[in-house]
Amino acid sequence: MIADWYASQRTGHIGVPEVAALAASLPAGASVLDVGCGTGLPLTRVLLEHGCHVVGVDSSRELLARFQANFPHVPVVCAPIQSCELQGRMFDAAIAWGVLFHLNHEEQAQAIANIASALRPGAVFLFTSGDVHGSTDGAPMNGVAFRYHSYSVDGYRELLRARGLTLEAAYRDPADNFCYQSRKTG
């Protein structure tokens, strides 16, 4: 099962410095949407350690069961982010680490629109994806083939702008993830 494999593989520090820096920049008690939260380890833990109030969203019931075992008092929503109902909740920030590139281009646009609609003015949206427009077959995860989809940096800039977000930074982190940091401007 891919959930078992994912839970055993996602134990390192990938994304921790970036999410810790984001959390440290937020006001005390900030609300954060964790898109593709998986088991919550390690990134939800980082947010909680910084005093954030987190809502996790993931489409995998198996991963959310692990998330709830790890963080029983953190609310979760089991749904794909592109069609997820957030019941009018508003957030000071959102993260989507290692998830958007699993969605095709249309689904990514829908996901970004949904996330943007739940962000307060000034909120930060931090996510990872590729930096070259296209779709490619990636290395299998535990024998499961995955296709990866990405816009270019300029493509994400335009997609974000159309949803009231300004791209503030696009960079490759030490773990070779391409990171995007944007801010809700309107």
N, C-alpha and C. Protein backbone atom coordinates (compact mmCIF):
# COMPACT_ATOMS: atom_id res chain seq x y z
N MET A 1 0.85 -1.18 0.00
CA MET A 1 0.00 0.00 0.00
C MET A 1 0.89 1.24 0.00
N ILE A 2 0.54 2.21 -0.81
CA ILE A 2 1.35 3.42 -0.93
C ILE A 2 1.34 4.25 0.35
N ALA A 3 0.24 4.24 1.11
CA ALA A 3 0.17 5.00 2.36
C ALA A 3 1.22 4.50 3.35
N ASP A 4 1.39 3.17 3.44
CA ASP A 4 2.41 2.62 4.34
C ASP A 4 3.80 3.05 3.90
N TRP A 5 4.06 2.94 2.60
CA TRP A 5 5.36 3.34 2.07
C TRP A 5 5.61 4.83 2.32
N TYR A 6 4.62 5.66 2.01
CA TYR A 6 4.76 7.11 2.19
C TYR A 6 5.06 7.45 3.65
N ALA A 7 4.31 6.84 4.56
CA ALA A 7 4.49 7.12 5.98
C ALA A 7 5.90 6.74 6.44
N SER A 8 6.44 5.67 5.89
CA SER A 8 7.79 5.26 6.30
C SER A 8 8.86 6.11 5.66
N GLN A 9 8.60 6.69 4.49
CA GLN A 9 9.59 7.49 3.78
C GLN A 9 9.60 8.96 4.19
N ARG A 10 8.48 9.47 4.65
CA ARG A 10 8.34 10.91 4.93
C ARG A 10 8.66 11.21 6.39
N THR A 11 9.86 10.83 6.80
CA THR A 11 10.24 11.01 8.20
C THR A 11 11.40 11.97 8.35
N GLY A 12 11.96 12.47 7.27
CA GLY A 12 13.13 13.33 7.32
C GLY A 12 12.80 14.78 7.56
N HIS A 13 13.67 15.63 7.06
CA HIS A 13 13.55 17.06 7.31
C HIS A 13 13.23 17.85 6.05
N ILE A 14 12.79 17.18 4.98
CA ILE A 14 12.47 17.88 3.75
C ILE A 14 11.33 18.86 4.00
N GLY A 15 11.57 20.12 3.67
CA GLY A 15 10.58 21.17 3.84
C GLY A 15 10.57 21.81 5.21
N VAL A 16 11.23 21.19 6.18
CA VAL A 16 11.19 21.71 7.55
C VAL A 16 11.76 23.12 7.66
N PRO A 17 12.94 23.42 7.10
CA PRO A 17 13.46 24.79 7.24
C PRO A 17 12.54 25.84 6.61
N GLU A 18 11.98 25.52 5.46
CA GLU A 18 11.11 26.48 4.77
C GLU A 18 9.80 26.70 5.53
N VAL A 19 9.20 25.63 6.02
CA VAL A 19 7.94 25.75 6.76
C VAL A 19 8.19 26.39 8.13
N ALA A 20 9.32 26.08 8.76
CA ALA A 20 9.65 26.72 10.04
C ALA A 20 9.83 28.23 9.85
N ALA A 21 10.50 28.63 8.77
CA ALA A 21 10.68 30.07 8.50
C ALA A 21 9.33 30.74 8.27
N LEU A 22 8.46 30.08 7.51
CA LEU A 22 7.12 30.63 7.28
C LEU A 22 6.38 30.77 8.60
N ALA A 23 6.36 29.71 9.41
CA ALA A 23 5.63 29.72 10.68
C ALA A 23 6.17 30.81 11.60
N ALA A 24 7.48 30.99 11.63
CA ALA A 24 8.08 32.02 12.48
C ALA A 24 7.69 33.43 12.06
N SER A 25 7.33 33.60 10.80
CA SER A 25 6.95 34.92 10.29
C SER A 25 5.48 35.25 10.53
N LEU A 26 4.71 34.28 10.99
CA LEU A 26 3.27 34.47 11.17
C LEU A 26 2.96 34.99 12.57
N PRO A 27 1.83 35.68 12.72
CA PRO A 27 1.42 36.12 14.06
C PRO A 27 1.09 34.92 14.96
N ALA A 28 1.19 35.11 16.25
CA ALA A 28 0.86 34.05 17.20
C ALA A 28 -0.55 33.55 16.94
N GLY A 29 -0.72 32.25 16.96
CA GLY A 29 -2.03 31.65 16.77
C GLY A 29 -2.55 31.68 15.36
N ALA A 30 -1.67 31.90 14.37
CA ALA A 30 -2.09 31.97 12.97
C ALA A 30 -2.76 30.67 12.53
N SER A 31 -3.72 30.80 11.64
CA SER A 31 -4.39 29.63 11.08
C SER A 31 -3.72 29.27 9.75
N VAL A 32 -3.39 27.98 9.60
CA VAL A 32 -2.66 27.52 8.42
C VAL A 32 -3.38 26.32 7.81
N LEU A 33 -3.57 26.37 6.51
CA LEU A 33 -4.12 25.26 5.74
C LEU A 33 -2.96 24.41 5.23
N ASP A 34 -2.93 23.14 5.63
CA ASP A 34 -1.87 22.21 5.21
C ASP A 34 -2.46 21.29 4.15
N VAL A 35 -2.19 21.63 2.89
CA VAL A 35 -2.74 20.90 1.74
C VAL A 35 -1.87 19.69 1.44
N GLY A 36 -2.50 18.52 1.33
CA GLY A 36 -1.73 17.30 1.12
C GLY A 36 -0.95 16.96 2.38
N CYS A 37 -1.60 17.09 3.52
CA CYS A 37 -0.92 16.98 4.82
C CYS A 37 -0.37 15.59 5.10
N GLY A 38 -0.88 14.56 4.42
CA GLY A 38 -0.39 13.21 4.66
C GLY A 38 -0.53 12.81 6.11
N THR A 39 0.55 12.35 6.70
CA THR A 39 0.55 11.92 8.11
C THR A 39 0.76 13.09 9.07
N GLY A 40 1.11 14.26 8.50
CA GLY A 40 1.41 15.42 9.34
C GLY A 40 2.86 15.51 9.74
N LEU A 41 3.62 14.47 9.42
CA LEU A 41 5.05 14.46 9.78
C LEU A 41 5.89 14.67 8.54
N PRO A 42 6.76 15.62 8.57
CA PRO A 42 7.13 16.46 9.72
C PRO A 42 6.49 17.85 9.72
N LEU A 43 5.80 18.25 8.64
CA LEU A 43 5.46 19.66 8.46
C LEU A 43 4.35 20.17 9.38
N THR A 44 3.29 19.40 9.59
CA THR A 44 2.24 19.85 10.50
C THR A 44 2.83 20.01 11.90
N ARG A 45 3.68 19.08 12.28
CA ARG A 45 4.33 19.18 13.60
C ARG A 45 5.08 20.50 13.73
N VAL A 46 5.80 20.91 12.69
CA VAL A 46 6.53 22.19 12.71
C VAL A 46 5.57 23.34 12.92
N LEU A 47 4.47 23.34 12.20
CA LEU A 47 3.48 24.42 12.34
C LEU A 47 2.91 24.47 13.75
N LEU A 48 2.57 23.31 14.29
CA LEU A 48 2.01 23.25 15.64
C LEU A 48 3.03 23.70 16.69
N GLU A 49 4.28 23.31 16.51
CA GLU A 49 5.34 23.72 17.44
C GLU A 49 5.53 25.23 17.45
N HIS A 50 5.17 25.89 16.37
CA HIS A 50 5.25 27.35 16.29
C HIS A 50 3.95 28.03 16.73
N GLY A 51 3.02 27.25 17.26
CA GLY A 51 1.78 27.82 17.80
C GLY A 51 0.69 28.08 16.78
N CYS A 52 0.83 27.52 15.59
CA CYS A 52 -0.19 27.71 14.56
C CYS A 52 -1.39 26.79 14.81
N HIS A 53 -2.54 27.23 14.34
CA HIS A 53 -3.74 26.40 14.32
C HIS A 53 -3.85 25.86 12.89
N VAL A 54 -3.85 24.55 12.76
CA VAL A 54 -3.75 23.91 11.45
C VAL A 54 -5.05 23.19 11.11
N VAL A 55 -5.40 23.24 9.83
CA VAL A 55 -6.42 22.37 9.25
C VAL A 55 -5.71 21.58 8.16
N GLY A 56 -5.77 20.26 8.24
CA GLY A 56 -5.14 19.40 7.24
C GLY A 56 -6.14 18.96 6.20
N VAL A 57 -5.69 18.93 4.96
CA VAL A 57 -6.52 18.44 3.85
C VAL A 57 -5.71 17.39 3.10
N ASP A 58 -6.31 16.24 2.87
CA ASP A 58 -5.68 15.19 2.07
C ASP A 58 -6.79 14.34 1.48
N SER A 59 -6.53 13.75 0.32
CA SER A 59 -7.55 12.90 -0.31
C SER A 59 -7.41 11.44 0.09
N SER A 60 -6.39 11.10 0.87
CA SER A 60 -6.17 9.71 1.29
C SER A 60 -6.69 9.46 2.70
N ARG A 61 -7.71 8.61 2.79
CA ARG A 61 -8.25 8.26 4.11
C ARG A 61 -7.19 7.57 4.97
N GLU A 62 -6.36 6.73 4.34
CA GLU A 62 -5.34 6.01 5.09
C GLU A 62 -4.32 6.97 5.71
N LEU A 63 -3.88 7.96 4.92
CA LEU A 63 -2.93 8.93 5.46
C LEU A 63 -3.58 9.81 6.53
N LEU A 64 -4.83 10.19 6.33
CA LEU A 64 -5.51 11.00 7.34
C LEU A 64 -5.73 10.23 8.64
N ALA A 65 -5.92 8.92 8.56
CA ALA A 65 -6.04 8.13 9.79
C ALA A 65 -4.73 8.21 10.57
N ARG A 66 -3.61 8.17 9.87
CA ARG A 66 -2.31 8.31 10.53
C ARG A 66 -2.13 9.73 11.06
N PHE A 67 -2.58 10.72 10.29
CA PHE A 67 -2.51 12.11 10.72
C PHE A 67 -3.27 12.26 12.04
N GLN A 68 -4.48 11.74 12.09
CA GLN A 68 -5.30 11.88 13.29
C GLN A 68 -4.72 11.12 14.48
N ALA A 69 -4.02 10.01 14.23
CA ALA A 69 -3.33 9.32 15.31
C ALA A 69 -2.18 10.18 15.83
N ASN A 70 -1.51 10.90 14.92
CA ASN A 70 -0.40 11.77 15.32
C ASN A 70 -0.88 13.05 15.99
N PHE A 71 -1.99 13.60 15.49
CA PHE A 71 -2.50 14.90 15.96
C PHE A 71 -4.02 14.83 16.13
N PRO A 72 -4.47 14.16 17.19
CA PRO A 72 -5.91 13.91 17.32
C PRO A 72 -6.78 15.15 17.46
N HIS A 73 -6.22 16.27 17.83
CA HIS A 73 -7.03 17.47 18.03
C HIS A 73 -6.98 18.44 16.85
N VAL A 74 -6.31 18.05 15.78
CA VAL A 74 -6.20 18.92 14.61
C VAL A 74 -7.28 18.52 13.61
N PRO A 75 -8.11 19.47 13.19
CA PRO A 75 -9.17 19.13 12.23
C PRO A 75 -8.62 18.77 10.86
N VAL A 76 -9.30 17.85 10.20
CA VAL A 76 -8.91 17.41 8.86
C VAL A 76 -10.12 17.38 7.95
N VAL A 77 -9.83 17.47 6.66
CA VAL A 77 -10.85 17.33 5.63
C VAL A 77 -10.33 16.30 4.63
N CYS A 78 -11.11 15.27 4.37
CA CYS A 78 -10.71 14.26 3.40
C CYS A 78 -11.36 14.59 2.06
N ALA A 79 -10.55 15.19 1.19
CA ALA A 79 -11.06 15.60 -0.13
C ALA A 79 -9.88 16.05 -0.98
N PRO A 80 -10.03 15.98 -2.30
CA PRO A 80 -9.03 16.59 -3.17
C PRO A 80 -9.12 18.11 -3.01
N ILE A 81 -8.00 18.78 -2.91
CA ILE A 81 -8.01 20.22 -2.65
C ILE A 81 -8.71 21.00 -3.75
N GLN A 82 -8.67 20.53 -4.97
CA GLN A 82 -9.28 21.28 -6.05
C GLN A 82 -10.80 21.35 -5.94
N SER A 83 -11.41 20.45 -5.17
CA SER A 83 -12.87 20.48 -5.01
C SER A 83 -13.28 20.49 -3.54
N CYS A 84 -12.35 20.73 -2.66
CA CYS A 84 -12.57 20.68 -1.22
C CYS A 84 -13.44 21.85 -0.75
N GLU A 85 -14.43 21.54 0.08
CA GLU A 85 -15.26 22.56 0.71
C GLU A 85 -14.60 22.94 2.03
N LEU A 86 -14.20 24.18 2.16
CA LEU A 86 -13.53 24.63 3.38
C LEU A 86 -14.49 25.36 4.33
N GLN A 87 -15.79 25.30 4.06
CA GLN A 87 -16.85 25.84 4.90
C GLN A 87 -16.59 27.28 5.34
N GLY A 88 -16.11 28.10 4.43
CA GLY A 88 -15.91 29.51 4.73
C GLY A 88 -14.74 29.83 5.64
N ARG A 89 -13.94 28.82 5.98
CA ARG A 89 -12.77 29.08 6.82
C ARG A 89 -11.80 29.99 6.06
N MET A 90 -11.13 30.86 6.82
CA MET A 90 -10.12 31.74 6.24
C MET A 90 -8.80 31.48 6.96
N PHE A 91 -7.69 31.58 6.21
CA PHE A 91 -6.39 31.21 6.73
C PHE A 91 -5.38 32.34 6.57
N ASP A 92 -4.42 32.36 7.50
CA ASP A 92 -3.31 33.32 7.47
C ASP A 92 -2.18 32.83 6.57
N ALA A 93 -2.19 31.54 6.26
CA ALA A 93 -1.17 30.95 5.38
C ALA A 93 -1.67 29.59 4.91
N ALA A 94 -1.04 29.12 3.84
CA ALA A 94 -1.30 27.76 3.35
C ALA A 94 0.01 27.19 2.84
N ILE A 95 0.18 25.89 3.03
CA ILE A 95 1.32 25.19 2.46
C ILE A 95 0.80 24.02 1.63
N ALA A 96 1.53 23.70 0.58
CA ALA A 96 1.23 22.52 -0.25
C ALA A 96 2.58 21.95 -0.67
N TRP A 97 3.18 21.18 0.22
CA TRP A 97 4.52 20.66 0.00
C TRP A 97 4.44 19.29 -0.65
N GLY A 98 4.98 19.17 -1.86
CA GLY A 98 5.05 17.87 -2.53
C GLY A 98 3.71 17.32 -2.97
N VAL A 99 2.77 18.22 -3.36
CA VAL A 99 1.45 17.70 -3.73
C VAL A 99 0.95 18.25 -5.06
N LEU A 100 1.10 19.53 -5.33
CA LEU A 100 0.47 20.12 -6.52
C LEU A 100 0.93 19.45 -7.82
N PHE A 101 2.19 19.07 -7.90
CA PHE A 101 2.69 18.49 -9.15
C PHE A 101 2.09 17.12 -9.45
N HIS A 102 1.36 16.55 -8.50
CA HIS A 102 0.64 15.29 -8.77
C HIS A 102 -0.69 15.55 -9.48
N LEU A 103 -1.11 16.82 -9.52
CA LEU A 103 -2.36 17.19 -10.19
C LEU A 103 -2.06 17.66 -11.60
N ASN A 104 -2.94 17.35 -12.55
CA ASN A 104 -2.72 17.85 -13.90
C ASN A 104 -2.89 19.37 -13.92
N HIS A 105 -2.61 19.99 -15.03
CA HIS A 105 -2.61 21.45 -15.09
C HIS A 105 -3.96 22.07 -14.71
N GLU A 106 -5.03 21.51 -15.23
CA GLU A 106 -6.36 22.04 -14.92
C GLU A 106 -6.67 21.88 -13.43
N GLU A 107 -6.34 20.72 -12.87
CA GLU A 107 -6.58 20.49 -11.44
C GLU A 107 -5.71 21.42 -10.58
N GLN A 108 -4.47 21.70 -11.01
CA GLN A 108 -3.64 22.64 -10.27
C GLN A 108 -4.26 24.03 -10.26
N ALA A 109 -4.76 24.46 -11.40
CA ALA A 109 -5.41 25.77 -11.48
C ALA A 109 -6.62 25.82 -10.54
N GLN A 110 -7.39 24.74 -10.50
CA GLN A 110 -8.55 24.68 -9.60
C GLN A 110 -8.10 24.68 -8.15
N ALA A 111 -7.04 23.94 -7.85
CA ALA A 111 -6.52 23.88 -6.48
C ALA A 111 -6.05 25.25 -6.02
N ILE A 112 -5.29 25.93 -6.86
CA ILE A 112 -4.79 27.26 -6.50
C ILE A 112 -5.95 28.24 -6.31
N ALA A 113 -6.96 28.14 -7.14
CA ALA A 113 -8.13 29.01 -6.99
C ALA A 113 -8.83 28.74 -5.66
N ASN A 114 -8.98 27.48 -5.31
CA ASN A 114 -9.65 27.12 -4.06
C ASN A 114 -8.84 27.58 -2.85
N ILE A 115 -7.54 27.37 -2.90
CA ILE A 115 -6.68 27.81 -1.80
C ILE A 115 -6.72 29.33 -1.68
N ALA A 116 -6.56 30.03 -2.80
CA ALA A 116 -6.55 31.50 -2.79
C ALA A 116 -7.83 32.06 -2.20
N SER A 117 -8.96 31.41 -2.48
CA SER A 117 -10.25 31.92 -1.98
C SER A 117 -10.36 31.79 -0.46
N ALA A 118 -9.51 30.96 0.15
CA ALA A 118 -9.55 30.75 1.60
C ALA A 118 -8.46 31.51 2.34
N LEU A 119 -7.71 32.34 1.61
CA LEU A 119 -6.63 33.10 2.25
C LEU A 119 -7.07 34.52 2.55
N ARG A 120 -6.71 34.99 3.73
CA ARG A 120 -6.95 36.39 4.11
C ARG A 120 -5.98 37.28 3.33
N PRO A 121 -6.32 38.55 3.16
CA PRO A 121 -5.34 39.47 2.56
C PRO A 121 -4.04 39.47 3.36
N GLY A 122 -2.92 39.41 2.65
CA GLY A 122 -1.61 39.36 3.29
C GLY A 122 -1.13 37.96 3.60
N ALA A 123 -2.00 36.95 3.44
CA ALA A 123 -1.62 35.57 3.75
C ALA A 123 -0.57 35.06 2.76
N VAL A 124 0.26 34.16 3.24
CA VAL A 124 1.33 33.56 2.44
C VAL A 124 0.89 32.17 1.98
N PHE A 125 1.21 31.84 0.74
CA PHE A 125 0.99 30.51 0.19
C PHE A 125 2.35 29.98 -0.27
N LEU A 126 2.82 28.93 0.39
CA LEU A 126 4.11 28.30 0.10
C LEU A 126 3.83 26.93 -0.49
N PHE A 127 4.39 26.66 -1.68
CA PHE A 127 4.17 25.35 -2.30
C PHE A 127 5.39 24.93 -3.11
N THR A 128 5.43 23.65 -3.45
CA THR A 128 6.47 23.12 -4.31
C THR A 128 5.85 22.58 -5.58
N SER A 129 6.62 22.67 -6.65
CA SER A 129 6.24 22.08 -7.93
C SER A 129 7.48 22.15 -8.81
N GLY A 130 7.33 21.85 -10.07
CA GLY A 130 8.45 21.99 -10.99
C GLY A 130 8.59 23.43 -11.45
N ASP A 131 9.58 23.65 -12.30
CA ASP A 131 9.80 25.01 -12.81
C ASP A 131 9.82 25.05 -14.33
N VAL A 132 9.47 23.93 -14.97
CA VAL A 132 9.40 23.85 -16.43
C VAL A 132 8.01 23.37 -16.81
N HIS A 133 7.36 24.06 -17.73
CA HIS A 133 6.01 23.68 -18.13
C HIS A 133 6.03 22.32 -18.83
N GLY A 134 5.12 21.46 -18.40
CA GLY A 134 4.98 20.17 -19.07
C GLY A 134 4.54 19.09 -18.11
N SER A 135 4.53 17.87 -18.63
CA SER A 135 4.15 16.68 -17.87
C SER A 135 5.17 15.60 -18.17
N THR A 136 5.61 14.89 -17.13
CA THR A 136 6.61 13.84 -17.30
C THR A 136 6.26 12.66 -16.42
N ASP A 137 6.76 11.49 -16.82
CA ASP A 137 6.66 10.31 -15.97
C ASP A 137 7.78 10.38 -14.96
N GLY A 138 7.44 10.20 -13.69
CA GLY A 138 8.43 10.24 -12.63
C GLY A 138 8.80 8.85 -12.18
N ALA A 139 9.76 8.79 -11.28
CA ALA A 139 10.16 7.52 -10.70
C ALA A 139 8.99 6.95 -9.91
N PRO A 140 8.74 5.66 -10.02
CA PRO A 140 7.64 5.06 -9.26
C PRO A 140 7.86 5.19 -7.75
N MET A 141 6.77 5.30 -7.03
CA MET A 141 6.80 5.31 -5.56
C MET A 141 6.24 3.98 -5.11
N ASN A 142 7.08 3.16 -4.51
CA ASN A 142 6.68 1.84 -4.03
C ASN A 142 5.98 1.05 -5.14
N GLY A 143 6.50 1.18 -6.36
CA GLY A 143 5.97 0.45 -7.49
C GLY A 143 4.80 1.10 -8.19
N VAL A 144 4.31 2.23 -7.68
CA VAL A 144 3.18 2.93 -8.28
C VAL A 144 3.72 4.03 -9.18
N ALA A 145 3.34 3.99 -10.45
CA ALA A 145 3.80 4.99 -11.40
C ALA A 145 3.08 6.32 -11.15
N PHE A 146 3.82 7.40 -11.27
CA PHE A 146 3.26 8.73 -11.11
C PHE A 146 3.63 9.59 -12.29
N ARG A 147 2.72 10.44 -12.67
CA ARG A 147 2.97 11.44 -13.70
C ARG A 147 3.04 12.78 -12.98
N TYR A 148 4.00 13.60 -13.35
CA TYR A 148 4.22 14.89 -12.70
C TYR A 148 3.91 16.00 -13.69
N HIS A 149 3.25 17.04 -13.19
CA HIS A 149 2.80 18.14 -14.03
C HIS A 149 3.29 19.45 -13.42
N SER A 150 3.71 20.35 -14.28
CA SER A 150 4.20 21.62 -13.77
C SER A 150 3.96 22.72 -14.78
N TYR A 151 3.80 23.93 -14.26
CA TYR A 151 3.86 25.14 -15.06
C TYR A 151 5.29 25.65 -14.97
N SER A 152 5.65 26.60 -15.80
CA SER A 152 6.93 27.28 -15.66
C SER A 152 6.80 28.29 -14.51
N VAL A 153 7.91 28.89 -14.11
CA VAL A 153 7.86 29.93 -13.08
C VAL A 153 6.92 31.05 -13.53
N ASP A 154 7.06 31.49 -14.78
CA ASP A 154 6.18 32.54 -15.29
C ASP A 154 4.72 32.07 -15.35
N GLY A 155 4.52 30.79 -15.66
CA GLY A 155 3.17 30.24 -15.68
C GLY A 155 2.53 30.27 -14.30
N TYR A 156 3.30 29.88 -13.27
CA TYR A 156 2.77 29.96 -11.90
C TYR A 156 2.55 31.42 -11.50
N ARG A 157 3.46 32.30 -11.89
CA ARG A 157 3.31 33.73 -11.56
C ARG A 157 1.96 34.24 -12.09
N GLU A 158 1.66 33.90 -13.34
CA GLU A 158 0.42 34.36 -13.96
C GLU A 158 -0.80 33.69 -13.32
N LEU A 159 -0.71 32.40 -13.06
CA LEU A 159 -1.81 31.67 -12.43
C LEU A 159 -2.11 32.24 -11.05
N LEU A 160 -1.07 32.52 -10.27
CA LEU A 160 -1.24 33.11 -8.95
C LEU A 160 -1.83 34.52 -9.05
N ARG A 161 -1.30 35.32 -9.97
CA ARG A 161 -1.76 36.70 -10.15
C ARG A 161 -3.26 36.73 -10.45
N ALA A 162 -3.72 35.80 -11.27
CA ALA A 162 -5.13 35.74 -11.64
C ALA A 162 -6.02 35.45 -10.43
N ARG A 163 -5.43 34.94 -9.36
CA ARG A 163 -6.19 34.61 -8.14
C ARG A 163 -5.86 35.55 -6.99
N GLY A 164 -5.26 36.71 -7.31
CA GLY A 164 -5.00 37.71 -6.28
C GLY A 164 -3.77 37.46 -5.45
N LEU A 165 -2.85 36.65 -5.96
CA LEU A 165 -1.60 36.34 -5.25
C LEU A 165 -0.42 36.89 -6.04
N THR A 166 0.59 37.37 -5.33
CA THR A 166 1.81 37.85 -5.96
C THR A 166 2.94 36.88 -5.64
N LEU A 167 3.63 36.41 -6.66
CA LEU A 167 4.77 35.54 -6.45
C LEU A 167 5.92 36.37 -5.90
N GLU A 168 6.37 36.06 -4.69
CA GLU A 168 7.44 36.81 -4.04
C GLU A 168 8.80 36.15 -4.21
N ALA A 169 8.82 34.81 -4.29
CA ALA A 169 10.09 34.10 -4.41
C ALA A 169 9.86 32.76 -5.11
N ALA A 170 10.84 32.38 -5.92
CA ALA A 170 10.85 31.07 -6.57
C ALA A 170 12.29 30.60 -6.52
N TYR A 171 12.54 29.46 -5.89
CA TYR A 171 13.92 29.03 -5.64
C TYR A 171 13.98 27.52 -5.44
N ARG A 172 15.17 26.99 -5.58
CA ARG A 172 15.41 25.57 -5.33
C ARG A 172 15.99 25.44 -3.93
N ASP A 173 15.38 24.59 -3.11
CA ASP A 173 15.87 24.40 -1.74
C ASP A 173 17.02 23.38 -1.72
N PRO A 174 17.68 23.21 -0.58
CA PRO A 174 18.81 22.27 -0.51
C PRO A 174 18.45 20.82 -0.84
N ALA A 175 17.17 20.44 -0.70
CA ALA A 175 16.73 19.08 -1.02
C ALA A 175 16.31 18.95 -2.48
N ASP A 176 16.55 19.99 -3.29
CA ASP A 176 16.27 20.02 -4.72
C ASP A 176 14.78 20.13 -5.05
N ASN A 177 13.98 20.64 -4.10
CA ASN A 177 12.58 20.96 -4.38
C ASN A 177 12.53 22.37 -4.94
N PHE A 178 11.65 22.61 -5.91
CA PHE A 178 11.47 23.97 -6.40
C PHE A 178 10.31 24.58 -5.62
N CYS A 179 10.60 25.66 -4.91
CA CYS A 179 9.66 26.28 -3.97
C CYS A 179 9.13 27.59 -4.52
N TYR A 180 7.87 27.84 -4.24
CA TYR A 180 7.21 29.08 -4.62
C TYR A 180 6.61 29.70 -3.36
N GLN A 181 6.88 30.97 -3.14
CA GLN A 181 6.25 31.68 -2.04
C GLN A 181 5.49 32.86 -2.62
N SER A 182 4.20 32.90 -2.31
CA SER A 182 3.35 33.97 -2.83
C SER A 182 2.56 34.58 -1.67
N ARG A 183 1.98 35.75 -1.95
CA ARG A 183 1.21 36.46 -0.92
C ARG A 183 -0.09 36.96 -1.52
N LYS A 184 -1.17 36.81 -0.75
CA LYS A 184 -2.49 37.30 -1.16
C LYS A 184 -2.47 38.83 -1.09
N THR A 185 -2.75 39.46 -2.21
CA THR A 185 -2.68 40.91 -2.28
C THR A 185 -4.05 41.57 -2.28
N GLY A 186 -5.06 40.83 -2.58
CA GLY A 186 -6.38 41.46 -2.64
C GLY A 186 -7.46 40.53 -2.24
